[in-house]
Amino acid sequence: MINRADIEERVREWGLREDIVEKDYVLGWVLAGIGAHPLTQQSWVFKGGTCLKKCYFETYRFSEDLDFTILGEAPPDTTTLLSIFREIASWVYEKSGIEIPLGQLRFDAYTNPRGHISVQGKLAYRGPLLPRGSLPRIKLDLTTDEILVQPPVRLAIAHPYPDALGDVESVLAYSHVEIFAEKIRALAERLRPRDLYDVINLYRHAAGRPPAADVLTVLAEKCAYKGIAVPSFASLEQDDGRDELDADWASMLSHQLPALPASEHFWIELPAVFSWLDGTSIPHDMAHIPVAASEDASWSPAQTISTWGMGVPLEHIRFAAINHLCVELDYQGSTRIVEPYSLRRTQDGHLLLHALRTDTREHRSYRVDRITGVRITKQPFTPVYAVEFALSPIYVPAAVPPVNTAPQRRPSAQIKHNTHMVYVIKCSVCQKEFQRSTHDTTLHPHKNKNGWDCPGRNGYVKTTRYK
């Protein structure tokens, strides 16, 4: 498991609360556990905003829930789900040290608005921040009454942290076309802030944008299945929910983003989305800022969100570029507002930010090691060059056809029952270790490893394990 310092480093770089970063870290491990378990790896199909964040576009809003469509006639009963997640919790703990208390696992079946049974689950976790009070939770939504028009794909799980996700680092997920169509359908049905944000971001990733005809075909089937008309911009404009979308924009999105663009900045791009979708307008490819002879044309920034260690939060620049927001730069003793377009590297290893100054409209390049401050503004810009941070998604899809939805259960001898946690407390003075059944790190005077008296004081949790 990573430590608090790893979380704090990403808080500085990504501009998010530490609990949001920690949850993103834990979500990756839970996803890996679902991708590794024999009863979920080939029948649970990942979807929704967290799927976009974890499997498609890493510079994205940090979503908080896990949504799945389960292949088959009905979702597993709650008793089976508890058994599955006890095993997933054990796997996650053994691989990462993240504790998912078995006593706080909960699954509730309910009749959804469509008259079918769905299941909502909640799991608590103790991650790198080691909370002492109530534990944070992850919500899971499991449904079977969703139509999958295209076969699901198996995708890698993005994990921008210093540990690896174990033996299995992939999960079955909606295809790019399917998730794009699903987001447009969801926007039409409920007009929520996250759906508008997602649809526009999917459209902006030009190089990875799927064919419009494919998206429209899948959208039409999904709308027919739901009994609604295929949406248009005119139908969304007439929806009474627009005022509510604007009112909920900040409360639903601000904690998931380092800066919050205005809702109208996204709404005004919807006509272009529907014009592309119905074929009345074909988006043109934008020119790139020319590559200078001094630049290494073979280099490009990491596709996933990263920690750069440059002293300034470069991920703020990436986020601003993709969200079409200007940034305020402190550079060599002065401050200027620029439109960010690309990050490149010179032949001698210096990173360069290519941007346009908003005051003079001149193209400028800035050496990153000379930037002393970066702040995302709320000032939008309309790109005049290709935003190179958004050139491609992070996934490499490989189609996986639907499979038997009832894979074989592991032998019962491998299933762990009646497990409990053992905390290994390490003395901060003499480094002696103690095993406890609680998270209490208070230590009384004791003998150290050499038999000398140690005053005790407080220890810290070195590790935890199941027993």
Protein backbone atom coordinates (compact mmCIF):
# COMPACT_ATOMS: atom_id res chain seq x y z
CA MET A 1 0.00 0.00 0.00
CA ILE A 2 1.19 3.49 -0.74
CA ASN A 3 1.63 5.91 2.18
CA ARG A 4 0.28 9.31 3.15
CA ALA A 5 3.25 11.04 1.51
CA ASP A 6 2.28 9.47 -1.84
CA ILE A 7 -1.26 10.80 -1.39
CA GLU A 8 -0.06 14.28 -0.43
CA GLU A 9 2.25 14.43 -3.44
CA ARG A 10 -0.72 13.81 -5.72
CA VAL A 11 -2.88 16.29 -3.84
CA ARG A 12 -0.30 18.97 -4.69
CA GLU A 13 0.04 17.86 -8.29
CA TRP A 14 -3.61 17.16 -9.08
CA GLY A 15 -5.30 19.87 -7.00
CA LEU A 16 -7.81 17.56 -5.32
CA ARG A 17 -8.72 16.74 -1.73
CA GLU A 18 -6.70 13.95 -0.17
CA ASP A 19 -9.80 11.82 0.46
CA ILE A 20 -10.68 11.99 -3.27
CA VAL A 21 -7.16 10.86 -4.23
CA GLU A 22 -7.28 8.05 -1.67
CA LYS A 23 -10.65 6.86 -2.98
CA ASP A 24 -9.34 6.86 -6.55
CA TYR A 25 -6.45 4.69 -5.37
CA VAL A 26 -8.74 2.24 -3.58
CA LEU A 27 -11.17 2.13 -6.53
CA GLY A 28 -8.33 0.87 -8.71
CA TRP A 29 -7.62 -2.01 -6.35
CA VAL A 30 -11.30 -2.95 -5.97
CA LEU A 31 -11.63 -2.95 -9.76
CA ALA A 32 -8.58 -5.18 -10.04
CA GLY A 33 -10.16 -7.54 -7.51
CA ILE A 34 -13.36 -7.70 -9.55
CA GLY A 35 -11.30 -8.27 -12.70
CA ALA A 36 -9.44 -11.12 -10.99
CA HIS A 37 -12.36 -12.96 -9.38
CA PRO A 38 -13.65 -15.98 -11.36
CA LEU A 39 -17.31 -15.13 -10.71
CA THR A 40 -17.07 -11.49 -11.84
CA GLN A 41 -14.20 -11.20 -14.32
CA GLN A 42 -16.23 -12.35 -17.35
CA SER A 43 -19.78 -11.35 -16.46
CA TRP A 44 -19.53 -7.92 -14.77
CA VAL A 45 -19.25 -5.18 -17.40
CA PHE A 46 -17.89 -1.87 -16.11
CA LYS A 47 -19.62 1.34 -17.23
CA GLY A 48 -20.29 4.95 -16.22
CA GLY A 49 -18.11 7.90 -15.30
CA THR A 50 -15.63 5.87 -13.25
CA CYS A 51 -15.13 3.60 -16.27
CA LEU A 52 -14.26 6.66 -18.34
CA LYS A 53 -11.80 7.79 -15.69
CA LYS A 54 -10.16 4.41 -15.07
CA CYS A 55 -10.20 2.85 -18.54
CA TYR A 56 -10.53 5.58 -21.17
CA PHE A 57 -9.35 9.09 -20.35
CA GLU A 58 -7.11 9.43 -17.32
CA THR A 59 -7.28 13.23 -17.10
CA TYR A 60 -10.90 13.19 -16.14
CA ARG A 61 -13.31 13.94 -13.38
CA PHE A 62 -12.58 11.74 -10.36
CA SER A 63 -15.73 9.67 -10.07
CA GLU A 64 -16.65 7.87 -6.85
CA ASP A 65 -18.94 4.92 -7.59
CA LEU A 66 -18.63 1.63 -9.47
CA ASP A 67 -21.41 0.78 -11.94
CA PHE A 68 -21.75 -2.59 -13.66
CA THR A 69 -24.11 -4.34 -16.02
CA ILE A 70 -24.18 -8.04 -15.17
CA LEU A 71 -24.51 -10.45 -18.07
CA GLY A 72 -27.22 -12.99 -17.37
CA GLU A 73 -30.84 -13.27 -16.39
CA ALA A 74 -30.60 -11.81 -12.89
CA PRO A 75 -27.97 -10.39 -10.53
CA PRO A 76 -26.53 -12.74 -7.92
CA ASP A 77 -28.47 -12.89 -4.66
CA THR A 78 -27.13 -10.80 -1.79
CA THR A 79 -25.75 -13.84 0.05
CA THR A 80 -23.68 -14.82 -2.98
CA LEU A 81 -22.50 -11.23 -3.43
CA LEU A 82 -21.33 -11.10 0.19
CA SER A 83 -19.39 -14.32 -0.34
CA ILE A 84 -17.80 -12.98 -3.53
CA PHE A 85 -16.76 -9.72 -1.92
CA ARG A 86 -15.31 -11.42 1.12
CA GLU A 87 -12.95 -13.14 -1.29
CA ILE A 88 -12.29 -9.91 -3.22
CA ALA A 89 -11.60 -8.12 0.09
CA SER A 90 -9.09 -10.81 1.02
CA TRP A 91 -7.40 -10.58 -2.39
CA VAL A 92 -7.22 -6.77 -2.22
CA TYR A 93 -5.75 -6.90 1.28
CA GLU A 94 -3.16 -9.53 0.41
CA LYS A 95 -2.04 -7.58 -2.68
CA SER A 96 -2.19 -4.02 -1.34
CA GLY A 97 -2.75 -3.90 2.42
CA ILE A 98 -6.04 -2.01 1.96
CA GLU A 99 -8.51 -3.24 4.56
CA ILE A 100 -12.15 -3.80 3.58
CA PRO A 101 -13.86 -4.74 6.87
CA LEU A 102 -16.04 -7.76 6.25
CA GLY A 103 -18.57 -6.69 8.85
CA GLN A 104 -19.31 -3.50 6.90
CA LEU A 105 -20.04 -5.12 3.52
CA ARG A 106 -23.67 -4.63 2.54
CA PHE A 107 -25.79 -5.47 -0.52
CA ASP A 108 -29.46 -4.56 -0.90
CA ALA A 109 -31.75 -5.69 -3.72
CA TYR A 110 -34.50 -3.37 -4.87
CA THR A 111 -37.00 -2.97 -7.70
CA ASN A 112 -35.73 -0.26 -10.05
CA PRO A 113 -38.00 2.21 -11.91
CA ARG A 114 -38.13 -0.21 -14.84
CA GLY A 115 -39.64 -2.93 -12.66
CA HIS A 116 -36.56 -5.15 -12.57
CA ILE A 117 -34.32 -6.18 -9.69
CA SER A 118 -31.09 -4.23 -9.21
CA VAL A 119 -28.60 -4.36 -6.37
CA GLN A 120 -26.80 -1.58 -4.55
CA GLY A 121 -23.73 -2.42 -2.53
CA LYS A 122 -21.59 -0.50 -0.08
CA LEU A 123 -18.13 -1.34 1.15
CA ALA A 124 -16.01 0.54 3.67
CA TYR A 125 -12.24 0.73 3.45
CA ARG A 126 -9.20 1.73 5.44
CA GLY A 127 -6.58 3.00 3.01
CA PRO A 128 -3.34 5.02 3.23
CA LEU A 129 -4.93 7.84 5.28
CA LEU A 130 -5.83 5.37 8.06
CA PRO A 131 -8.94 7.15 9.40
CA ARG A 132 -9.75 6.53 13.05
CA GLY A 133 -13.45 7.34 12.95
CA SER A 134 -16.10 6.33 10.45
CA LEU A 135 -14.58 4.73 7.39
CA PRO A 136 -15.12 6.12 3.87
CA ARG A 137 -17.27 4.03 1.56
CA ILE A 138 -17.58 2.99 -2.07
CA LYS A 139 -20.99 2.42 -3.63
CA LEU A 140 -21.64 -0.26 -6.26
CA ASP A 141 -24.65 -0.33 -8.59
CA LEU A 142 -25.40 -3.67 -10.27
CA THR A 143 -28.05 -4.03 -12.98
CA THR A 144 -29.04 -6.66 -15.54
CA ASP A 145 -31.75 -4.84 -17.48
CA GLU A 146 -29.42 -2.84 -19.72
CA ILE A 147 -28.97 -3.59 -23.40
CA LEU A 148 -25.41 -4.13 -24.65
CA VAL A 149 -25.43 -3.45 -28.37
CA GLN A 150 -21.71 -4.13 -28.86
CA PRO A 151 -19.56 -6.86 -27.29
CA PRO A 152 -17.75 -5.68 -24.15
CA VAL A 153 -14.00 -5.14 -24.25
CA ARG A 154 -11.30 -6.00 -21.76
CA LEU A 155 -9.38 -2.86 -20.78
CA ALA A 156 -6.39 -2.07 -18.62
CA ILE A 157 -7.08 -0.22 -15.37
CA ALA A 158 -5.17 3.06 -15.16
CA HIS A 159 -3.33 3.22 -11.83
CA PRO A 160 -1.07 6.30 -11.49
CA TYR A 161 0.41 5.16 -8.17
CA PRO A 162 3.77 3.63 -7.22
CA ASP A 163 2.42 0.12 -6.59
CA ALA A 164 1.16 -2.38 -9.17
CA LEU A 165 -2.34 -3.82 -9.33
CA GLY A 166 -1.36 -7.44 -8.90
CA ASP A 167 -1.60 -10.29 -11.37
CA VAL A 168 -4.74 -9.07 -13.16
CA GLU A 169 -4.85 -5.41 -14.15
CA SER A 170 -7.86 -5.36 -16.46
CA VAL A 171 -11.64 -5.37 -16.29
CA LEU A 172 -14.47 -6.13 -18.73
CA ALA A 173 -16.01 -2.81 -19.84
CA TYR A 174 -18.38 -1.10 -22.25
CA SER A 175 -16.82 -0.42 -25.66
CA HIS A 176 -15.90 3.16 -26.54
CA VAL A 177 -18.92 3.44 -28.86
CA GLU A 178 -21.24 1.88 -26.28
CA ILE A 179 -20.20 4.17 -23.45
CA PHE A 180 -20.42 7.26 -25.70
CA ALA A 181 -23.96 6.33 -26.77
CA GLU A 182 -24.93 5.46 -23.19
CA LYS A 183 -23.77 8.86 -21.95
CA ILE A 184 -25.82 10.68 -24.60
CA ARG A 185 -28.86 8.56 -23.71
CA ALA A 186 -28.36 9.30 -20.01
CA LEU A 187 -28.04 13.04 -20.73
CA ALA A 188 -31.35 12.96 -22.59
CA GLU A 189 -33.15 11.09 -19.81
CA ARG A 190 -31.95 12.95 -16.72
CA LEU A 191 -29.93 16.03 -17.83
CA ARG A 192 -27.41 15.79 -15.02
CA PRO A 193 -24.15 17.74 -14.76
CA ARG A 194 -21.86 14.71 -14.92
CA ASP A 195 -23.52 13.47 -18.14
CA LEU A 196 -23.06 16.83 -19.87
CA TYR A 197 -19.44 16.98 -18.71
CA ASP A 198 -18.81 13.43 -19.94
CA VAL A 199 -20.45 13.84 -23.36
CA ILE A 200 -18.46 16.99 -24.16
CA ASN A 201 -15.17 15.45 -23.02
CA LEU A 202 -15.80 12.33 -25.10
CA TYR A 203 -16.46 14.53 -28.13
CA ARG A 204 -13.36 16.68 -27.56
CA HIS A 205 -10.99 13.71 -27.78
CA ALA A 206 -10.84 14.07 -31.53
CA ALA A 207 -8.22 11.46 -32.45
CA GLY A 208 -9.95 8.79 -30.37
CA ARG A 209 -13.48 9.80 -31.40
CA PRO A 210 -15.40 6.82 -32.85
CA PRO A 211 -17.37 7.05 -36.11
CA ALA A 212 -20.53 9.09 -35.60
CA ALA A 213 -22.64 6.55 -37.50
CA ASP A 214 -21.60 3.80 -35.07
CA VAL A 215 -22.50 5.93 -32.04
CA LEU A 216 -25.86 6.87 -33.58
CA THR A 217 -26.71 3.24 -34.35
CA VAL A 218 -26.02 2.15 -30.78
CA LEU A 219 -27.81 5.22 -29.38
CA ALA A 220 -30.92 4.43 -31.43
CA GLU A 221 -31.05 0.87 -30.08
CA LYS A 222 -30.56 2.04 -26.52
CA CYS A 223 -33.29 4.65 -26.82
CA ALA A 224 -35.67 2.13 -28.38
CA TYR A 225 -34.97 -0.26 -25.50
CA LYS A 226 -35.78 2.51 -23.01
CA GLY A 227 -38.84 3.62 -24.95
CA ILE A 228 -37.61 7.17 -25.57
CA ALA A 229 -36.93 9.18 -28.72
CA VAL A 230 -33.40 9.64 -29.99
CA PRO A 231 -32.38 13.02 -28.51
CA SER A 232 -31.46 16.15 -30.41
CA PHE A 233 -30.13 19.47 -29.26
CA ALA A 234 -33.60 20.96 -29.77
CA SER A 235 -35.14 18.37 -27.46
CA LEU A 236 -32.54 19.08 -24.77
CA GLU A 237 -33.09 22.83 -25.09
CA GLN A 238 -36.79 22.31 -24.40
CA ASP A 239 -36.13 20.15 -21.33
CA ASP A 240 -37.27 21.74 -18.07
CA GLY A 241 -34.24 20.29 -16.31
CA ARG A 242 -31.73 22.81 -17.70
CA ASP A 243 -32.13 25.19 -14.74
CA GLU A 244 -31.67 22.31 -12.30
CA LEU A 245 -28.53 21.21 -14.17
CA ASP A 246 -27.03 24.67 -13.76
CA ALA A 247 -28.04 24.78 -10.09
CA ASP A 248 -26.46 21.37 -9.37
CA TRP A 249 -23.33 21.90 -11.45
CA ALA A 250 -21.04 22.98 -8.61
CA SER A 251 -22.35 20.63 -5.91
CA MET A 252 -22.06 17.56 -8.13
CA LEU A 253 -18.74 18.28 -9.85
CA SER A 254 -16.56 20.70 -7.90
CA HIS A 255 -15.03 18.07 -5.57
CA GLN A 256 -14.16 15.85 -8.55
CA LEU A 257 -12.13 18.46 -10.43
CA PRO A 258 -9.15 20.72 -9.65
CA ALA A 259 -11.13 23.63 -11.10
CA LEU A 260 -14.75 23.90 -12.18
CA PRO A 261 -15.51 25.18 -15.70
CA ALA A 262 -18.83 26.98 -16.10
CA SER A 263 -21.76 24.83 -17.20
CA GLU A 264 -22.57 27.16 -20.11
CA HIS A 265 -19.03 26.58 -21.42
CA PHE A 266 -20.06 22.94 -21.97
CA TRP A 267 -23.65 23.54 -23.02
CA ILE A 268 -22.67 25.74 -25.98
CA GLU A 269 -20.70 22.80 -27.46
CA LEU A 270 -23.72 20.47 -27.56
CA PRO A 271 -24.93 21.66 -31.01
CA ALA A 272 -21.58 20.57 -32.47
CA VAL A 273 -21.98 17.14 -30.87
CA PHE A 274 -25.41 16.56 -32.42
CA SER A 275 -24.37 18.01 -35.79
CA TRP A 276 -21.51 15.51 -35.84
CA LEU A 277 -23.84 12.74 -34.70
CA ASP A 278 -26.44 13.26 -37.44
CA GLY A 279 -23.83 13.91 -40.15
CA THR A 280 -24.75 17.52 -40.91
CA SER A 281 -21.30 18.73 -39.88
CA ILE A 282 -17.92 16.99 -40.02
CA PRO A 283 -15.39 18.35 -37.51
CA HIS A 284 -12.19 19.48 -39.25
CA ASP A 285 -8.76 18.45 -38.05
CA MET A 286 -6.97 21.30 -36.33
CA ALA A 287 -3.37 22.19 -37.16
CA HIS A 288 -0.67 21.42 -34.63
CA ILE A 289 1.82 23.91 -33.34
CA PRO A 290 4.87 23.17 -35.53
CA VAL A 291 7.63 21.02 -34.02
CA ALA A 292 10.86 22.97 -33.76
CA ALA A 293 14.17 21.49 -34.89
CA SER A 294 15.40 21.64 -31.30
CA GLU A 295 12.54 19.42 -30.07
CA ASP A 296 12.49 15.65 -29.72
CA ALA A 297 9.63 14.64 -32.04
CA SER A 298 9.62 11.07 -30.67
CA TRP A 299 8.70 12.18 -27.14
CA SER A 300 5.20 12.78 -25.81
CA PRO A 301 3.85 13.22 -22.28
CA ALA A 302 2.42 10.24 -20.44
CA GLN A 303 -1.13 9.47 -21.51
CA THR A 304 -2.19 8.99 -17.91
CA ILE A 305 -2.27 11.55 -15.15
CA SER A 306 1.17 11.68 -13.55
CA THR A 307 3.29 13.18 -10.80
CA TRP A 308 6.09 15.11 -12.44
CA GLY A 309 8.21 16.31 -9.53
CA MET A 310 8.90 19.60 -11.31
CA GLY A 311 7.96 21.94 -8.47
CA VAL A 312 4.84 23.18 -10.29
CA PRO A 313 1.66 21.17 -10.88
CA LEU A 314 1.91 20.25 -14.56
CA GLU A 315 -1.30 18.24 -14.31
CA HIS A 316 -3.08 21.55 -13.75
CA ILE A 317 -1.91 22.53 -17.23
CA ARG A 318 -3.06 19.25 -18.75
CA PHE A 319 -6.48 19.57 -17.08
CA ALA A 320 -6.84 23.20 -18.22
CA ALA A 321 -5.90 22.33 -21.80
CA ILE A 322 -8.40 19.48 -22.09
CA ASN A 323 -11.13 21.56 -20.45
CA HIS A 324 -10.32 24.58 -22.65
CA LEU A 325 -9.45 26.84 -19.72
CA CYS A 326 -6.66 29.41 -19.65
CA VAL A 327 -3.89 29.19 -17.08
CA GLU A 328 -2.06 31.93 -15.25
CA LEU A 329 1.71 31.41 -15.36
CA ASP A 330 4.38 32.93 -13.15
CA TYR A 331 7.43 32.94 -15.39
CA GLN A 332 10.80 34.62 -14.89
CA GLY A 333 9.45 37.30 -12.59
CA SER A 334 6.25 38.17 -14.45
CA THR A 335 2.73 36.77 -14.78
CA ARG A 336 0.78 36.11 -17.94
CA ILE A 337 -2.44 34.31 -18.94
CA VAL A 338 -2.09 31.73 -21.70
CA GLU A 339 -4.02 29.10 -23.64
CA PRO A 340 -2.14 25.79 -23.11
CA TYR A 341 -1.81 23.41 -26.08
CA SER A 342 1.07 20.99 -25.69
CA LEU A 343 3.97 19.80 -23.59
CA ARG A 344 7.13 18.82 -25.49
CA ARG A 345 10.74 17.99 -24.75
CA THR A 346 13.85 19.45 -26.32
CA GLN A 347 16.75 17.41 -27.63
CA ASP A 348 18.72 18.32 -24.49
CA GLY A 349 15.94 17.18 -22.13
CA HIS A 350 14.11 20.40 -21.17
CA LEU A 351 10.30 20.33 -21.02
CA LEU A 352 8.52 23.08 -22.96
CA LEU A 353 4.94 24.30 -22.62
CA HIS A 354 3.54 25.59 -25.92
CA ALA A 355 0.79 28.16 -25.50
CA LEU A 356 -0.82 31.31 -26.87
CA ARG A 357 -0.74 34.52 -24.87
CA THR A 358 -4.29 35.80 -24.44
CA ASP A 359 -3.27 39.47 -24.63
CA THR A 360 -1.12 39.42 -27.79
CA ARG A 361 -2.39 36.17 -29.41
CA GLU A 362 1.24 35.21 -30.00
CA HIS A 363 2.55 31.67 -29.79
CA ARG A 364 5.10 31.24 -27.00
CA SER A 365 7.04 28.33 -25.53
CA TYR A 366 7.95 28.29 -21.82
CA ARG A 367 10.63 26.18 -20.21
CA VAL A 368 8.92 24.28 -17.43
CA ASP A 369 11.90 24.54 -15.07
CA ARG A 370 11.52 28.35 -15.21
CA ILE A 371 7.78 28.34 -14.38
CA THR A 372 7.33 29.24 -10.71
CA GLY A 373 3.55 29.13 -10.46
CA VAL A 374 0.51 27.71 -12.27
CA ARG A 375 -3.12 28.57 -11.59
CA ILE A 376 -6.15 27.37 -13.54
CA THR A 377 -8.49 30.23 -14.37
CA LYS A 378 -12.20 30.15 -15.17
CA GLN A 379 -11.53 31.94 -18.47
CA PRO A 380 -12.48 29.62 -21.36
CA PHE A 381 -10.81 29.58 -24.75
CA THR A 382 -11.74 28.23 -28.16
CA PRO A 383 -8.77 26.24 -29.47
CA VAL A 384 -7.04 27.47 -32.63
CA TYR A 385 -4.53 24.60 -32.56
CA ALA A 386 -4.94 20.93 -31.70
CA VAL A 387 -4.87 20.34 -27.96
CA GLU A 388 -2.20 17.65 -27.92
CA PHE A 389 -2.96 16.50 -24.38
CA ALA A 390 -6.26 15.14 -25.74
CA LEU A 391 -4.94 13.37 -28.84
CA SER A 392 -5.72 9.81 -27.82
CA PRO A 393 -7.43 7.73 -25.14
CA ILE A 394 -5.42 5.48 -22.85
CA TYR A 395 -7.10 2.24 -23.83
CA VAL A 396 -6.15 -0.36 -26.41
CA PRO A 397 -9.42 -2.21 -27.00
CA ALA A 398 -9.58 -5.89 -27.79
CA ALA A 399 -13.11 -7.19 -28.34
CA VAL A 400 -14.22 -9.90 -25.95
CA PRO A 401 -17.48 -11.69 -26.84
CA PRO A 402 -20.03 -12.29 -24.09
CA VAL A 403 -19.21 -15.49 -22.25
CA ASN A 404 -20.91 -17.96 -19.99
CA THR A 405 -22.37 -15.88 -17.18
CA ALA A 406 -21.96 -18.66 -14.61
CA PRO A 407 -18.23 -19.43 -14.47
CA GLN A 408 -17.03 -22.18 -12.17
CA ARG A 409 -16.64 -21.29 -8.51
CA ARG A 410 -13.25 -21.81 -6.94
CA PRO A 411 -12.93 -24.87 -4.70
CA SER A 412 -14.45 -24.18 -1.32
CA ALA A 413 -11.13 -24.90 0.39
CA GLN A 414 -9.81 -21.63 -1.08
CA ILE A 415 -12.63 -19.53 0.34
CA LYS A 416 -11.73 -17.74 3.56
CA HIS A 417 -14.41 -17.59 6.22
CA ASN A 418 -14.44 -16.13 9.71
CA THR A 419 -11.37 -13.99 9.01
CA HIS A 420 -10.33 -11.10 11.19
CA MET A 421 -7.68 -8.42 11.04
CA VAL A 422 -4.33 -8.55 12.82
CA TYR A 423 -2.55 -5.20 13.17
CA VAL A 424 1.25 -5.23 13.38
CA ILE A 425 2.22 -2.21 15.50
CA LYS A 426 5.84 -1.07 15.29
CA CYS A 427 7.37 0.93 18.14
CA SER A 428 8.61 4.28 16.84
CA VAL A 429 11.46 4.24 19.41
CA CYS A 430 13.00 0.73 19.33
CA GLN A 431 11.25 -0.69 16.22
CA LYS A 432 9.94 -3.75 18.10
CA GLU A 433 6.75 -5.17 16.62
CA PHE A 434 3.53 -6.16 18.41
CA GLN A 435 0.42 -7.93 17.10
CA ARG A 436 -3.01 -6.61 18.07
CA SER A 437 -6.60 -7.22 17.12
CA THR A 438 -7.43 -3.48 17.20
CA HIS A 439 -6.02 -0.38 15.48
CA ASP A 440 -4.75 1.08 18.80
CA THR A 441 -1.12 2.26 18.42
CA THR A 442 -0.55 3.24 22.06
CA LEU A 443 2.47 1.40 23.50
CA HIS A 444 3.38 0.94 27.15
CA PRO A 445 6.97 0.62 28.47
CA HIS A 446 8.51 -2.65 27.31
CA LYS A 447 11.76 -4.46 26.63
CA ASN A 448 13.35 -3.86 23.27
CA LYS A 449 14.90 -6.58 21.10
CA ASN A 450 18.13 -6.42 23.09
CA GLY A 451 16.42 -6.64 26.48
CA TRP A 452 16.81 -2.95 27.36
CA ASP A 453 13.94 -0.88 28.74
CA CYS A 454 12.01 1.15 26.16
CA PRO A 455 9.64 3.95 27.31
CA GLY A 456 7.03 2.92 24.76
CA ARG A 457 5.24 6.05 23.59
CA ASN A 458 3.27 5.68 20.37
CA GLY A 459 3.87 3.20 17.61
CA TYR A 460 2.49 3.05 14.11
CA VAL A 461 0.75 0.43 12.00
CA LYS A 462 3.42 -1.30 9.96
CA THR A 463 0.98 -3.65 8.25
CA THR A 464 -2.29 -5.49 8.70
CA ARG A 465 -3.31 -8.93 7.60
CA TYR A 466 -6.10 -11.45 7.75
CA LYS A 467 -5.89 -14.36 10.16
